[in-house]
Each structure stands twice: as structure tokens, then as C-alpha cells.
Amino acid sequence: MAGQGFIHDKLELKFLILYIAARVIEPIPFDTMLDLTMCDDAVDYFDFTECLRDLVDTEHLTLSQDGLYSITEKGLRNSKICESSLAYSVRLRCDKNLEVWNRKLRRKSQVKASWEQRPNGTYTVRLSLDDDAGSLMDLKLMAVREDMAKLLANRFRQSPEKLYGQIMNLLLEDSQGGKPKG
């Protein structure tokens, strides 16, 4: 193992990888697994790749066709047994990093924006916003050019809650442009 840190051998590194895989809310790519695992200064890239491959070979993790890693039942069982072997400070750093990553994953699953070309050459832009209870908004718009469709999708991703609020206010205000009723 490289550098100064709490992870001293490949077995501890495998425990760390399982700890992370057990707490991430959806399958993740190699780069993300690497970033999350580098929370300890002693983790070495080459040891990491070897341990990750070993965990897939021993069926503690799966690797999808899309290159996403996820934990198996076997991996979950072993992670629970071994997590106390990890240094408390390493677990704290992991938990902090995982909280940030999981928040990004939740946000990505709640805010969706896509476009597709119609047979007539225009584009349909689909914008959707969900929360933990379900769908808040599902909106389809027509754009005449692809660059406009991309712009609409990108702007929606930046502040979907603001757009949702503006639409609600417009629909709720009275016919003279006054404040929303209710």
C-alpha cells in the first residue's frame, strides 16, 4: 500500500470498497468508485483496481454491461460483518463523501430533461421534476431547432424548482394578473 493512512493491506481496501458499495444508492462507474475510495491517503490506484476486480470475481460486486458496479447480497453480508474493521475516521470521511454523491444521484433521478426529433424536423423537449412522493411536473414542449431544444433542457436542469413555481403562479393568478388566489 502507498502513503500514510489507515488502510494497510488489500483486505482492508476490499472492506472499504464494500463499505462504499453498500451505501451508494445506485450502481456507479469505475471513476466514481475510485474517487470515493481515495478517502484514505494509503489507497493506491493499482491496489484499488486489483481489489475491485477481485471483488467482482468473487461475486461480492457485479459489473454491468454499462460499466457500473453494484454490491451483491454476498457483498452486503460481508460488508456488514467487516465494516467495524475500518478505522472510524475513514468511515466518517466515506460517509461525508457518500452523502454528497448520493445527493447528486437523487437530484439526477428527480430532474430529467431530454429531447428527440419529430418526423417533421422539429423537436419535442420533455422536462420532468419529481420529489420523494412522485411526479410534480411532466411537460412536453416543441422546439423548432435542436440548439433551442438543448438550451431548453439545460436551463430546466439548472433551476427546475424555479420554473415549476413560475408555472404554478401563472396558472393560479386571476385573469387580471393579480396575486394567486387561495
N, C-alpha and C. Protein backbone atom coordinates (compact mmCIF):
# COMPACT_ATOMS: atom_id res chain seq x y z
N MET A 1 0.85 -1.17 0.00
CA MET A 1 0.00 0.00 0.00
C MET A 1 0.90 1.24 0.00
N ALA A 2 0.40 2.32 -0.56
CA ALA A 2 1.15 3.57 -0.66
C ALA A 2 0.96 4.42 0.59
N GLY A 3 1.45 5.60 0.62
CA GLY A 3 1.26 6.68 1.59
C GLY A 3 0.88 6.36 3.02
N GLN A 4 0.72 7.42 3.79
CA GLN A 4 0.32 7.37 5.19
C GLN A 4 -1.20 7.33 5.26
N GLY A 5 -1.73 6.41 6.01
CA GLY A 5 -3.17 6.32 6.13
C GLY A 5 -3.55 5.15 7.00
N PHE A 6 -4.82 4.83 7.01
CA PHE A 6 -5.34 3.77 7.88
C PHE A 6 -5.54 2.44 7.15
N ILE A 7 -5.56 2.45 5.84
CA ILE A 7 -5.74 1.23 5.07
C ILE A 7 -4.36 0.63 4.84
N HIS A 8 -4.06 -0.50 5.46
CA HIS A 8 -2.71 -1.05 5.43
C HIS A 8 -2.51 -2.24 4.52
N ASP A 9 -3.58 -2.90 4.11
CA ASP A 9 -3.41 -4.07 3.23
C ASP A 9 -4.61 -4.19 2.30
N LYS A 10 -4.53 -5.12 1.39
CA LYS A 10 -5.58 -5.27 0.37
C LYS A 10 -6.90 -5.74 0.98
N LEU A 11 -6.84 -6.49 2.05
CA LEU A 11 -8.08 -6.93 2.70
C LEU A 11 -8.85 -5.72 3.25
N GLU A 12 -8.15 -4.81 3.89
CA GLU A 12 -8.80 -3.59 4.40
C GLU A 12 -9.34 -2.75 3.25
N LEU A 13 -8.60 -2.72 2.15
CA LEU A 13 -9.06 -1.99 0.97
C LEU A 13 -10.35 -2.61 0.43
N LYS A 14 -10.44 -3.91 0.42
CA LYS A 14 -11.67 -4.58 -0.02
C LYS A 14 -12.82 -4.25 0.93
N PHE A 15 -12.55 -4.21 2.23
CA PHE A 15 -13.58 -3.82 3.19
C PHE A 15 -14.08 -2.41 2.88
N LEU A 16 -13.15 -1.52 2.55
CA LEU A 16 -13.51 -0.13 2.24
C LEU A 16 -14.38 -0.07 0.98
N ILE A 17 -14.01 -0.79 -0.04
CA ILE A 17 -14.79 -0.80 -1.29
C ILE A 17 -16.19 -1.34 -1.02
N LEU A 18 -16.29 -2.42 -0.25
CA LEU A 18 -17.61 -2.97 0.09
C LEU A 18 -18.42 -1.99 0.93
N TYR A 19 -17.76 -1.30 1.85
CA TYR A 19 -18.43 -0.30 2.69
C TYR A 19 -19.08 0.77 1.81
N ILE A 20 -18.33 1.22 0.82
CA ILE A 20 -18.83 2.25 -0.10
C ILE A 20 -19.96 1.70 -0.97
N ALA A 21 -19.74 0.54 -1.56
CA ALA A 21 -20.74 -0.06 -2.45
C ALA A 21 -22.05 -0.34 -1.73
N ALA A 22 -21.98 -0.63 -0.45
CA ALA A 22 -23.19 -0.92 0.32
C ALA A 22 -23.99 0.34 0.62
N ARG A 23 -23.38 1.50 0.51
CA ARG A 23 -24.04 2.75 0.90
C ARG A 23 -24.39 3.69 -0.24
N VAL A 24 -23.89 3.41 -1.42
CA VAL A 24 -24.24 4.24 -2.56
C VAL A 24 -25.64 3.82 -3.04
N ILE A 25 -26.48 4.78 -3.44
CA ILE A 25 -27.89 4.49 -3.69
C ILE A 25 -28.19 3.87 -5.05
N GLU A 26 -27.20 3.84 -5.93
CA GLU A 26 -27.40 3.18 -7.22
C GLU A 26 -26.04 2.76 -7.76
N PRO A 27 -26.01 1.86 -8.73
CA PRO A 27 -24.73 1.43 -9.30
C PRO A 27 -23.91 2.62 -9.80
N ILE A 28 -22.58 2.50 -9.64
CA ILE A 28 -21.70 3.61 -10.00
C ILE A 28 -20.57 3.15 -10.92
N PRO A 29 -20.04 4.08 -11.73
CA PRO A 29 -18.94 3.73 -12.63
C PRO A 29 -17.59 3.64 -11.88
N PHE A 30 -16.61 3.10 -12.56
CA PHE A 30 -15.27 2.92 -12.01
C PHE A 30 -14.72 4.21 -11.41
N ASP A 31 -14.78 5.32 -12.17
CA ASP A 31 -14.20 6.58 -11.72
C ASP A 31 -14.81 7.06 -10.39
N THR A 32 -16.11 6.88 -10.26
CA THR A 32 -16.77 7.30 -9.02
C THR A 32 -16.34 6.40 -7.87
N MET A 33 -16.28 5.10 -8.12
CA MET A 33 -15.83 4.17 -7.07
C MET A 33 -14.40 4.54 -6.65
N LEU A 34 -13.56 4.85 -7.61
CA LEU A 34 -12.18 5.25 -7.31
C LEU A 34 -12.16 6.53 -6.46
N ASP A 35 -12.90 7.55 -6.89
CA ASP A 35 -12.93 8.81 -6.14
C ASP A 35 -13.39 8.60 -4.70
N LEU A 36 -14.44 7.81 -4.53
CA LEU A 36 -14.97 7.58 -3.19
C LEU A 36 -13.99 6.76 -2.34
N THR A 37 -13.23 5.88 -2.96
CA THR A 37 -12.29 5.03 -2.23
C THR A 37 -11.02 5.79 -1.85
N MET A 38 -10.70 6.82 -2.57
CA MET A 38 -9.47 7.58 -2.30
C MET A 38 -9.61 8.50 -1.08
N CYS A 39 -10.50 8.16 -0.16
CA CYS A 39 -10.70 8.96 1.05
C CYS A 39 -9.58 8.71 2.07
N ASP A 40 -8.73 7.74 1.82
CA ASP A 40 -7.62 7.44 2.71
C ASP A 40 -6.32 7.60 1.93
N ASP A 41 -5.34 8.26 2.54
CA ASP A 41 -4.07 8.55 1.84
C ASP A 41 -3.27 7.30 1.47
N ALA A 42 -3.55 6.19 2.11
CA ALA A 42 -2.79 4.97 1.85
C ALA A 42 -3.31 4.17 0.66
N VAL A 43 -4.44 4.57 0.09
CA VAL A 43 -5.02 3.81 -1.02
C VAL A 43 -4.21 4.08 -2.29
N ASP A 44 -3.82 3.01 -2.94
CA ASP A 44 -3.04 3.07 -4.17
C ASP A 44 -3.92 2.67 -5.35
N TYR A 45 -3.80 3.36 -6.47
CA TYR A 45 -4.62 3.10 -7.65
C TYR A 45 -4.52 1.65 -8.11
N PHE A 46 -3.32 1.12 -8.19
CA PHE A 46 -3.13 -0.24 -8.71
C PHE A 46 -3.71 -1.28 -7.76
N ASP A 47 -3.51 -1.08 -6.46
CA ASP A 47 -4.12 -1.98 -5.48
C ASP A 47 -5.65 -1.90 -5.55
N PHE A 48 -6.13 -0.67 -5.72
CA PHE A 48 -7.58 -0.47 -5.83
C PHE A 48 -8.15 -1.26 -7.00
N THR A 49 -7.55 -1.12 -8.19
CA THR A 49 -8.09 -1.82 -9.37
C THR A 49 -8.03 -3.33 -9.19
N GLU A 50 -6.96 -3.81 -8.58
CA GLU A 50 -6.84 -5.25 -8.34
C GLU A 50 -7.92 -5.74 -7.36
N CYS A 51 -8.12 -4.99 -6.29
CA CYS A 51 -9.13 -5.37 -5.29
C CYS A 51 -10.54 -5.30 -5.87
N LEU A 52 -10.80 -4.29 -6.67
CA LEU A 52 -12.12 -4.15 -7.29
C LEU A 52 -12.39 -5.34 -8.22
N ARG A 53 -11.41 -5.70 -9.00
CA ARG A 53 -11.53 -6.86 -9.89
C ARG A 53 -11.75 -8.15 -9.08
N ASP A 54 -11.00 -8.30 -7.98
CA ASP A 54 -11.17 -9.48 -7.12
C ASP A 54 -12.58 -9.55 -6.55
N LEU A 55 -13.14 -8.41 -6.14
CA LEU A 55 -14.49 -8.40 -5.57
C LEU A 55 -15.55 -8.77 -6.61
N VAL A 56 -15.31 -8.42 -7.86
CA VAL A 56 -16.22 -8.85 -8.94
C VAL A 56 -16.04 -10.35 -9.18
N ASP A 57 -14.79 -10.80 -9.23
CA ASP A 57 -14.51 -12.23 -9.47
C ASP A 57 -15.10 -13.12 -8.38
N THR A 58 -15.11 -12.64 -7.13
CA THR A 58 -15.63 -13.43 -6.01
C THR A 58 -17.12 -13.18 -5.77
N GLU A 59 -17.73 -12.43 -6.69
CA GLU A 59 -19.18 -12.14 -6.67
C GLU A 59 -19.64 -11.36 -5.45
N HIS A 60 -18.77 -10.49 -4.94
CA HIS A 60 -19.17 -9.54 -3.91
C HIS A 60 -19.76 -8.29 -4.57
N LEU A 61 -19.29 -8.01 -5.78
CA LEU A 61 -19.78 -6.90 -6.60
C LEU A 61 -20.14 -7.45 -7.98
N THR A 62 -21.01 -6.73 -8.66
CA THR A 62 -21.27 -7.05 -10.06
C THR A 62 -20.83 -5.87 -10.92
N LEU A 63 -20.49 -6.16 -12.15
CA LEU A 63 -20.12 -5.16 -13.13
C LEU A 63 -21.07 -5.31 -14.30
N SER A 64 -21.88 -4.28 -14.55
CA SER A 64 -22.88 -4.35 -15.62
C SER A 64 -22.23 -4.10 -16.98
N GLN A 65 -23.00 -4.34 -18.04
CA GLN A 65 -22.54 -4.08 -19.41
C GLN A 65 -22.22 -2.60 -19.59
N ASP A 66 -22.90 -1.74 -18.81
CA ASP A 66 -22.68 -0.29 -18.90
C ASP A 66 -21.46 0.16 -18.10
N GLY A 67 -20.77 -0.78 -17.44
CA GLY A 67 -19.59 -0.42 -16.66
C GLY A 67 -19.92 0.11 -15.27
N LEU A 68 -21.06 -0.30 -14.72
CA LEU A 68 -21.48 0.17 -13.40
C LEU A 68 -21.31 -0.94 -12.37
N TYR A 69 -20.77 -0.58 -11.23
CA TYR A 69 -20.55 -1.53 -10.14
C TYR A 69 -21.68 -1.44 -9.14
N SER A 70 -22.12 -2.60 -8.66
CA SER A 70 -23.12 -2.64 -7.59
C SER A 70 -22.82 -3.82 -6.69
N ILE A 71 -23.28 -3.73 -5.47
CA ILE A 71 -23.00 -4.76 -4.47
C ILE A 71 -24.02 -5.88 -4.58
N THR A 72 -23.59 -7.09 -4.28
CA THR A 72 -24.47 -8.27 -4.29
C THR A 72 -24.91 -8.57 -2.86
N GLU A 73 -25.80 -9.53 -2.70
CA GLU A 73 -26.21 -9.95 -1.36
C GLU A 73 -25.01 -10.46 -0.56
N LYS A 74 -24.16 -11.23 -1.22
CA LYS A 74 -22.94 -11.74 -0.59
C LYS A 74 -22.07 -10.57 -0.12
N GLY A 75 -21.93 -9.58 -0.97
CA GLY A 75 -21.14 -8.40 -0.62
C GLY A 75 -21.74 -7.64 0.55
N LEU A 76 -23.07 -7.50 0.57
CA LEU A 76 -23.74 -6.82 1.68
C LEU A 76 -23.50 -7.55 3.00
N ARG A 77 -23.65 -8.87 2.99
CA ARG A 77 -23.42 -9.66 4.21
C ARG A 77 -22.00 -9.46 4.73
N ASN A 78 -21.04 -9.58 3.84
CA ASN A 78 -19.65 -9.44 4.26
C ASN A 78 -19.30 -8.01 4.65
N SER A 79 -19.91 -7.05 4.01
CA SER A 79 -19.68 -5.65 4.37
C SER A 79 -20.14 -5.38 5.79
N LYS A 80 -21.32 -5.87 6.14
CA LYS A 80 -21.83 -5.66 7.49
C LYS A 80 -20.93 -6.30 8.54
N ILE A 81 -20.41 -7.47 8.23
CA ILE A 81 -19.54 -8.18 9.17
C ILE A 81 -18.22 -7.43 9.36
N CYS A 82 -17.70 -6.86 8.27
CA CYS A 82 -16.34 -6.32 8.29
C CYS A 82 -16.24 -4.80 8.48
N GLU A 83 -17.35 -4.08 8.43
CA GLU A 83 -17.25 -2.62 8.46
C GLU A 83 -16.61 -2.09 9.73
N SER A 84 -16.76 -2.77 10.84
CA SER A 84 -16.15 -2.29 12.09
C SER A 84 -14.63 -2.42 12.05
N SER A 85 -14.08 -3.16 11.09
CA SER A 85 -12.63 -3.28 10.95
C SER A 85 -12.01 -2.01 10.36
N LEU A 86 -12.83 -1.20 9.72
CA LEU A 86 -12.32 0.05 9.15
C LEU A 86 -12.16 1.10 10.24
N ALA A 87 -11.13 1.90 10.11
CA ALA A 87 -10.90 2.98 11.07
C ALA A 87 -12.10 3.93 11.07
N TYR A 88 -12.46 4.39 12.25
CA TYR A 88 -13.61 5.27 12.40
C TYR A 88 -13.46 6.53 11.54
N SER A 89 -12.26 7.10 11.50
CA SER A 89 -12.05 8.32 10.71
C SER A 89 -12.26 8.06 9.21
N VAL A 90 -11.89 6.87 8.75
CA VAL A 90 -12.09 6.52 7.34
C VAL A 90 -13.59 6.40 7.06
N ARG A 91 -14.32 5.76 7.97
CA ARG A 91 -15.77 5.63 7.79
C ARG A 91 -16.44 7.00 7.78
N LEU A 92 -15.98 7.91 8.64
CA LEU A 92 -16.56 9.26 8.67
C LEU A 92 -16.33 9.99 7.35
N ARG A 93 -15.10 9.91 6.83
CA ARG A 93 -14.81 10.55 5.54
C ARG A 93 -15.64 9.93 4.42
N CYS A 94 -15.75 8.61 4.44
CA CYS A 94 -16.56 7.90 3.43
C CYS A 94 -18.01 8.36 3.51
N ASP A 95 -18.55 8.40 4.71
CA ASP A 95 -19.94 8.80 4.88
C ASP A 95 -20.18 10.21 4.38
N LYS A 96 -19.25 11.11 4.65
CA LYS A 96 -19.37 12.50 4.18
C LYS A 96 -19.36 12.55 2.64
N ASN A 97 -18.41 11.83 2.03
CA ASN A 97 -18.33 11.80 0.56
C ASN A 97 -19.55 11.13 -0.05
N LEU A 98 -20.02 10.06 0.58
CA LEU A 98 -21.20 9.35 0.08
C LEU A 98 -22.45 10.20 0.17
N GLU A 99 -22.56 11.00 1.21
CA GLU A 99 -23.72 11.89 1.34
C GLU A 99 -23.79 12.87 0.17
N VAL A 100 -22.65 13.43 -0.19
CA VAL A 100 -22.59 14.36 -1.33
C VAL A 100 -22.94 13.63 -2.63
N TRP A 101 -22.32 12.46 -2.83
CA TRP A 101 -22.56 11.71 -4.06
C TRP A 101 -24.01 11.26 -4.17
N ASN A 102 -24.57 10.73 -3.08
CA ASN A 102 -25.95 10.25 -3.11
C ASN A 102 -26.93 11.40 -3.36
N ARG A 103 -26.61 12.58 -2.84
CA ARG A 103 -27.46 13.75 -3.10
C ARG A 103 -27.46 14.07 -4.60
N LYS A 104 -26.29 13.98 -5.23
CA LYS A 104 -26.20 14.22 -6.69
C LYS A 104 -27.01 13.17 -7.46
N LEU A 105 -26.90 11.92 -7.04
CA LEU A 105 -27.64 10.85 -7.72
C LEU A 105 -29.15 11.04 -7.57
N ARG A 106 -29.60 11.43 -6.37
CA ARG A 106 -31.03 11.67 -6.16
C ARG A 106 -31.52 12.82 -7.03
N ARG A 107 -30.73 13.87 -7.07
CA ARG A 107 -31.08 15.04 -7.87
C ARG A 107 -31.19 14.66 -9.35
N LYS A 108 -30.23 13.87 -9.81
CA LYS A 108 -30.24 13.44 -11.21
C LYS A 108 -31.48 12.61 -11.53
N SER A 109 -31.92 11.81 -10.61
CA SER A 109 -33.10 10.98 -10.85
C SER A 109 -34.39 11.78 -10.73
N GLN A 110 -34.36 12.92 -10.05
CA GLN A 110 -35.56 13.72 -9.86
C GLN A 110 -35.75 14.79 -10.93
N VAL A 111 -34.69 15.18 -11.59
CA VAL A 111 -34.75 16.22 -12.62
C VAL A 111 -34.30 15.61 -13.94
N LYS A 112 -35.23 15.55 -14.90
CA LYS A 112 -34.91 14.95 -16.20
C LYS A 112 -35.28 15.92 -17.31
N ALA A 113 -34.41 15.99 -18.28
CA ALA A 113 -34.66 16.84 -19.45
C ALA A 113 -34.07 16.13 -20.66
N SER A 114 -34.89 15.93 -21.68
CA SER A 114 -34.43 15.26 -22.89
C SER A 114 -35.14 15.86 -24.10
N TRP A 115 -34.65 15.54 -25.27
CA TRP A 115 -35.29 15.98 -26.50
C TRP A 115 -35.12 14.91 -27.55
N GLU A 116 -36.06 14.91 -28.48
CA GLU A 116 -35.97 13.99 -29.62
C GLU A 116 -36.57 14.66 -30.84
N GLN A 117 -36.05 14.30 -31.99
CA GLN A 117 -36.52 14.90 -33.23
C GLN A 117 -37.82 14.23 -33.67
N ARG A 118 -38.73 15.06 -34.14
CA ARG A 118 -40.01 14.58 -34.68
C ARG A 118 -39.84 14.32 -36.17
N PRO A 119 -40.77 13.56 -36.76
CA PRO A 119 -40.69 13.31 -38.21
C PRO A 119 -40.70 14.59 -39.06
N ASN A 120 -41.33 15.66 -38.56
CA ASN A 120 -41.41 16.90 -39.35
C ASN A 120 -40.17 17.78 -39.19
N GLY A 121 -39.16 17.33 -38.43
CA GLY A 121 -37.93 18.10 -38.29
C GLY A 121 -37.86 18.96 -37.04
N THR A 122 -38.97 19.16 -36.36
CA THR A 122 -38.94 19.90 -35.11
C THR A 122 -38.53 18.93 -33.99
N TYR A 123 -38.49 19.44 -32.78
CA TYR A 123 -38.04 18.64 -31.64
C TYR A 123 -39.06 18.68 -30.51
N THR A 124 -39.21 17.56 -29.84
CA THR A 124 -40.02 17.50 -28.62
C THR A 124 -39.05 17.52 -27.45
N VAL A 125 -39.24 18.49 -26.56
CA VAL A 125 -38.43 18.61 -25.36
C VAL A 125 -39.30 18.15 -24.20
N ARG A 126 -38.80 17.18 -23.44
CA ARG A 126 -39.55 16.67 -22.30
C ARG A 126 -38.81 17.05 -21.02
N LEU A 127 -39.54 17.71 -20.13
CA LEU A 127 -38.99 18.17 -18.86
C LEU A 127 -39.81 17.56 -17.74
N SER A 128 -39.15 16.93 -16.79
CA SER A 128 -39.89 16.36 -15.67
C SER A 128 -39.17 16.63 -14.36
N LEU A 129 -39.99 16.82 -13.33
CA LEU A 129 -39.50 17.10 -11.98
C LEU A 129 -40.25 16.21 -11.02
N ASP A 130 -39.52 15.44 -10.24
CA ASP A 130 -40.10 14.54 -9.25
C ASP A 130 -39.59 14.92 -7.87
N ASP A 131 -40.29 14.46 -6.86
CA ASP A 131 -39.78 14.51 -5.49
C ASP A 131 -39.94 13.12 -4.90
N ASP A 132 -39.74 12.99 -3.61
CA ASP A 132 -39.81 11.67 -2.99
C ASP A 132 -41.19 11.05 -3.08
N ALA A 133 -42.23 11.86 -3.23
CA ALA A 133 -43.60 11.35 -3.29
C ALA A 133 -44.04 10.99 -4.70
N GLY A 134 -43.31 11.47 -5.71
CA GLY A 134 -43.70 11.17 -7.09
C GLY A 134 -43.50 12.37 -8.00
N SER A 135 -44.23 12.37 -9.10
CA SER A 135 -44.09 13.39 -10.13
C SER A 135 -44.72 14.71 -9.71
N LEU A 136 -43.98 15.79 -9.86
CA LEU A 136 -44.50 17.14 -9.64
C LEU A 136 -44.90 17.78 -10.97
N MET A 137 -44.12 17.48 -12.01
CA MET A 137 -44.37 18.11 -13.30
C MET A 137 -43.81 17.23 -14.40
N ASP A 138 -44.58 17.11 -15.48
CA ASP A 138 -44.13 16.43 -16.68
C ASP A 138 -44.60 17.28 -17.84
N LEU A 139 -43.67 17.95 -18.50
CA LEU A 139 -44.01 18.95 -19.50
C LEU A 139 -43.33 18.61 -20.82
N LYS A 140 -44.11 18.68 -21.91
CA LYS A 140 -43.56 18.50 -23.25
C LYS A 140 -43.72 19.80 -24.00
N LEU A 141 -42.64 20.22 -24.65
CA LEU A 141 -42.64 21.45 -25.45
C LEU A 141 -42.11 21.14 -26.84
N MET A 142 -42.48 21.99 -27.80
CA MET A 142 -41.97 21.86 -29.15
C MET A 142 -40.90 22.93 -29.36
N ALA A 143 -39.79 22.53 -29.94
CA ALA A 143 -38.73 23.47 -30.32
C ALA A 143 -38.48 23.29 -31.82
N VAL A 144 -38.20 24.38 -32.51
CA VAL A 144 -38.03 24.30 -33.96
C VAL A 144 -36.64 23.86 -34.38
N ARG A 145 -35.65 24.05 -33.48
CA ARG A 145 -34.27 23.66 -33.82
C ARG A 145 -33.66 22.87 -32.66
N GLU A 146 -32.66 22.06 -33.00
CA GLU A 146 -32.01 21.25 -31.96
C GLU A 146 -31.29 22.11 -30.93
N ASP A 147 -30.65 23.20 -31.37
CA ASP A 147 -29.95 24.05 -30.40
C ASP A 147 -30.93 24.67 -29.40
N MET A 148 -32.13 24.98 -29.84
CA MET A 148 -33.16 25.50 -28.93
C MET A 148 -33.60 24.41 -27.95
N ALA A 149 -33.74 23.19 -28.45
CA ALA A 149 -34.14 22.06 -27.60
C ALA A 149 -33.09 21.83 -26.51
N LYS A 150 -31.81 21.86 -26.89
CA LYS A 150 -30.72 21.68 -25.93
C LYS A 150 -30.73 22.81 -24.89
N LEU A 151 -30.94 24.03 -25.35
CA LEU A 151 -30.96 25.17 -24.44
C LEU A 151 -32.10 25.06 -23.43
N LEU A 152 -33.28 24.68 -23.91
CA LEU A 152 -34.42 24.49 -23.00
C LEU A 152 -34.11 23.43 -21.95
N ALA A 153 -33.56 22.32 -22.38
CA ALA A 153 -33.24 21.23 -21.46
C ALA A 153 -32.19 21.66 -20.44
N ASN A 154 -31.15 22.34 -20.89
CA ASN A 154 -30.08 22.78 -19.99
C ASN A 154 -30.58 23.82 -18.98
N ARG A 155 -31.38 24.75 -19.43
CA ARG A 155 -31.91 25.77 -18.50
C ARG A 155 -32.83 25.15 -17.47
N PHE A 156 -33.62 24.17 -17.89
CA PHE A 156 -34.51 23.49 -16.94
C PHE A 156 -33.69 22.77 -15.88
N ARG A 157 -32.62 22.09 -16.29
CA ARG A 157 -31.78 21.36 -15.32
C ARG A 157 -31.16 22.29 -14.29
N GLN A 158 -30.89 23.54 -14.66
CA GLN A 158 -30.25 24.49 -13.76
C GLN A 158 -31.16 24.90 -12.61
N SER A 159 -32.45 25.11 -12.87
CA SER A 159 -33.35 25.54 -11.80
C SER A 159 -34.78 25.08 -12.06
N PRO A 160 -35.03 23.78 -11.96
CA PRO A 160 -36.37 23.26 -12.24
C PRO A 160 -37.42 23.73 -11.24
N GLU A 161 -37.02 23.90 -9.98
CA GLU A 161 -37.98 24.34 -8.96
C GLU A 161 -38.48 25.76 -9.26
N LYS A 162 -37.58 26.61 -9.75
CA LYS A 162 -37.97 27.98 -10.09
C LYS A 162 -39.00 27.98 -11.23
N LEU A 163 -38.76 27.18 -12.26
CA LEU A 163 -39.70 27.09 -13.37
C LEU A 163 -41.04 26.53 -12.90
N TYR A 164 -40.99 25.49 -12.08
CA TYR A 164 -42.22 24.91 -11.53
C TYR A 164 -43.02 25.97 -10.77
N GLY A 165 -42.35 26.73 -9.92
CA GLY A 165 -43.01 27.79 -9.16
C GLY A 165 -43.62 28.86 -10.05
N GLN A 166 -42.91 29.24 -11.10
CA GLN A 166 -43.41 30.27 -12.02
C GLN A 166 -44.64 29.76 -12.77
N ILE A 167 -44.62 28.51 -13.20
CA ILE A 167 -45.78 27.94 -13.90
C ILE A 167 -46.97 27.90 -12.95
N MET A 168 -46.76 27.44 -11.72
CA MET A 168 -47.85 27.38 -10.74
C MET A 168 -48.43 28.77 -10.49
N ASN A 169 -47.57 29.78 -10.33
CA ASN A 169 -48.05 31.15 -10.11
C ASN A 169 -48.85 31.65 -11.30
N LEU A 170 -48.37 31.40 -12.51
CA LEU A 170 -49.10 31.84 -13.70
C LEU A 170 -50.48 31.18 -13.78
N LEU A 171 -50.53 29.90 -13.47
CA LEU A 171 -51.80 29.19 -13.57
C LEU A 171 -52.77 29.55 -12.45
N LEU A 172 -52.26 29.99 -11.31
CA LEU A 172 -53.12 30.30 -10.17
C LEU A 172 -53.54 31.76 -10.08
N GLU A 173 -52.86 32.67 -10.78
CA GLU A 173 -53.24 34.07 -10.67
C GLU A 173 -54.55 34.34 -11.38
N ASP A 174 -55.23 35.36 -10.93
CA ASP A 174 -56.55 35.65 -11.54
C ASP A 174 -56.37 36.26 -12.93
N SER A 175 -57.46 36.43 -13.66
CA SER A 175 -57.41 36.85 -15.05
C SER A 175 -56.88 38.27 -15.24
N GLN A 176 -56.88 39.10 -14.20
CA GLN A 176 -56.36 40.44 -14.32
C GLN A 176 -54.87 40.52 -13.95
N GLY A 177 -54.22 39.39 -13.78
CA GLY A 177 -52.79 39.39 -13.47
C GLY A 177 -52.50 39.63 -12.00
N GLY A 178 -53.49 39.49 -11.16
CA GLY A 178 -53.30 39.69 -9.72
C GLY A 178 -52.61 38.51 -9.08
N LYS A 179 -52.48 38.63 -7.76
CA LYS A 179 -51.81 37.59 -6.98
C LYS A 179 -52.59 36.28 -7.02
N PRO A 180 -51.89 35.16 -6.83
CA PRO A 180 -52.57 33.87 -6.82
C PRO A 180 -53.65 33.85 -5.75
N LYS A 181 -54.78 33.23 -6.08
CA LYS A 181 -55.87 33.08 -5.12
C LYS A 181 -55.63 31.87 -4.27
N GLY A 182 -56.21 31.91 -3.09
CA GLY A 182 -56.15 30.72 -2.23
C GLY A 182 -55.35 30.94 -1.08
